[in-house]
Each structure stands twice: as structure tokens, then as C-alpha cells.
């Protein structure tokens, strides 16, 4: 069973920065992609950013230019660096990984609140 452990999150002011991290219990190269989804109150789950096995990245339009996803291969960790945070970024952020068979795994989620 794969475990994804998230760290980071909390309260941040508009325009601020925050970094989320997600550490997997096995090599990140065993996954097709790892990344982050988020769900705001009353909204559907949406993709934020993914980093693919080959190293390419995918971003939601709403975060392009503000968020950067990266990975630390040695520590099986994916980071999401968030800048210029907006109130509409307030949500529970979930780490996700999809293995080579297509099975998906999820972290427990971490809340980010962007508010003054």
C-alpha cells in the first residue's frame, strides 16, 4: 500500500507564498505522475499541477505562472511552490500519485487558507 504524506499548508495572506510537499513511501519513478489537486468548499475537485515521470509538468490555467511543481528524486518527494496566492486558492490540497498500472493514491489533504 502506497502512502503519501503531505506537509505544509495553513493560513497565508493574499500575495504570499507557501510550499507544499508530498513524500511517497516508494520511488516516485514507480508512478506515471504525481501532483496536487484541490477542492474548495462547495466546489469539485480540480487539478492544480502534475509532474510526469519523464519530468514534464501540467498546470491548471488558474495557477500557471504562480505555482511551480518540482521533485526531489532522492527523497521521493514532490514540492508545490505557490506564489502570489489569492483568496480563490483557498482549498484543501490533496497529493495524488498514479502508478504504472493506472491505480491512483491520495494523501489525506492539507488546508490552505488565503486571507488577510
Protein backbone atom coordinates (compact mmCIF):
# COMPACT_ATOMS: atom_id res chain seq x y z
CA UNK A 1 0.00 0.00 0.00
CA UNK A 2 1.39 3.34 -1.05
CA UNK A 3 1.36 6.17 1.45
CA UNK A 4 1.53 9.83 0.51
CA UNK A 5 2.42 12.16 3.35
CA UNK A 6 1.75 15.85 2.85
CA UNK A 7 3.33 18.75 4.68
CA UNK A 8 2.78 22.46 4.53
CA UNK A 9 -0.44 24.39 4.47
CA UNK A 10 -2.08 26.81 6.82
CA UNK A 11 -3.02 30.46 6.74
CA UNK A 12 -1.33 32.88 4.36
CA UNK A 13 -2.08 36.44 3.35
CA UNK A 14 -3.05 37.38 -0.20
CA UNK A 15 0.08 37.82 -2.29
CA UNK A 16 2.01 35.50 -0.01
CA UNK A 17 3.90 32.32 -0.73
CA UNK A 18 3.71 28.78 0.55
CA UNK A 19 5.25 25.43 -0.25
CA UNK A 20 3.56 22.07 -0.08
CA UNK A 21 5.46 18.80 -0.04
CA UNK A 22 4.34 15.25 -0.62
CA UNK A 23 6.55 12.28 0.21
CA UNK A 24 5.75 8.86 -1.20
CA UNK A 25 6.51 5.58 0.54
CA UNK A 26 8.20 4.25 -2.58
CA UNK A 27 10.18 5.55 -5.54
CA UNK A 28 8.47 8.34 -7.41
CA UNK A 29 9.64 6.71 -10.61
CA UNK A 30 7.12 3.93 -9.97
CA UNK A 31 4.41 6.47 -10.75
CA UNK A 32 3.29 7.86 -14.09
CA UNK A 33 2.66 11.18 -12.43
CA UNK A 34 2.48 12.83 -9.04
CA UNK A 35 0.95 16.10 -8.14
CA UNK A 36 -1.76 18.07 -6.48
CA UNK A 37 -5.48 18.51 -6.69
CA UNK A 38 -7.59 20.85 -4.64
CA UNK A 39 -11.17 21.20 -3.51
CA UNK A 40 -12.68 24.44 -2.33
CA UNK A 41 -15.84 24.43 -0.21
CA UNK A 42 -18.81 23.61 -2.39
CA UNK A 43 -16.65 23.01 -5.45
CA UNK A 44 -15.50 19.96 -7.32
CA UNK A 45 -12.04 18.51 -7.05
CA UNK A 46 -9.75 20.14 -9.59
CA UNK A 47 -6.27 19.54 -10.89
CA UNK A 48 -3.64 22.00 -9.72
CA UNK A 49 -0.37 20.62 -11.05
CA UNK A 50 1.22 17.33 -12.03
CA UNK A 51 4.78 16.31 -12.71
CA UNK A 52 5.09 13.38 -15.05
CA UNK A 53 7.52 10.50 -14.89
CA UNK A 54 9.53 11.94 -17.78
CA UNK A 55 9.80 15.26 -15.98
CA UNK A 56 7.26 17.36 -17.83
CA UNK A 57 4.65 19.30 -15.91
CA UNK A 58 0.97 20.16 -16.29
CA UNK A 59 -0.72 23.11 -14.62
CA UNK A 60 -4.24 24.39 -14.27
CA UNK A 61 -4.72 27.66 -16.14
CA UNK A 62 -5.61 29.37 -12.88
CA UNK A 63 -2.20 28.70 -11.35
CA UNK A 64 0.09 28.91 -14.37
CA UNK A 65 2.82 31.42 -13.73
CA UNK A 66 2.23 31.40 -9.98
CA UNK A 67 2.74 27.78 -8.94
CA UNK A 68 5.74 25.57 -9.68
CA UNK A 69 5.87 21.83 -9.20
CA UNK A 70 9.20 20.07 -8.74
CA UNK A 71 10.52 16.82 -7.42
CA UNK A 72 13.28 15.55 -5.19
CA UNK A 73 14.04 12.13 -6.60
CA UNK A 74 16.33 11.03 -3.81
CA UNK A 75 13.66 11.65 -1.18
CA UNK A 76 10.64 10.54 -3.22
CA UNK A 77 9.13 13.96 -2.68
CA UNK A 78 7.21 16.37 -4.85
CA UNK A 79 7.01 20.04 -3.97
CA UNK A 80 4.49 22.67 -4.97
CA UNK A 81 5.82 26.20 -4.63
CA UNK A 82 2.96 28.68 -4.61
CA UNK A 83 3.43 32.40 -5.05
CA UNK A 84 1.11 35.38 -5.33
CA UNK A 85 -1.58 33.44 -3.54
CA UNK A 86 -5.15 34.64 -3.97
CA UNK A 87 -8.24 34.12 -1.83
CA UNK A 88 -9.60 31.86 -4.56
CA UNK A 89 -6.69 29.50 -3.93
CA UNK A 90 -8.26 28.65 -0.57
CA UNK A 91 -8.97 24.92 -0.60
CA UNK A 92 -7.95 21.55 0.72
CA UNK A 93 -4.98 20.40 -1.33
CA UNK A 94 -4.54 16.68 -1.94
CA UNK A 95 -1.42 14.91 -3.10
CA UNK A 96 -2.06 12.34 -5.82
CA UNK A 97 0.02 9.67 -7.48
CA UNK A 98 -0.87 7.28 -10.30
CA UNK A 99 1.21 4.15 -10.67
CA UNK A 100 2.17 2.41 -13.88
CA UNK A 101 -0.95 0.20 -13.75
CA UNK A 102 -3.18 3.27 -13.50
CA UNK A 103 -4.03 2.89 -9.85
CA UNK A 104 -4.39 6.16 -8.00
CA UNK A 105 -3.34 7.05 -4.49
CA UNK A 106 -4.25 10.04 -2.37
CA UNK A 107 -2.90 11.89 0.61
CA UNK A 108 -5.14 12.98 3.45
CA UNK A 109 -5.22 16.59 2.33
CA UNK A 110 -3.97 19.83 3.79
CA UNK A 111 -5.92 23.06 4.11
CA UNK A 112 -4.64 26.32 2.70
CA UNK A 113 -6.49 29.47 3.63
CA UNK A 114 -5.62 32.68 1.83
CA UNK A 115 -6.99 35.56 3.83
CA UNK A 116 -5.97 38.83 5.39
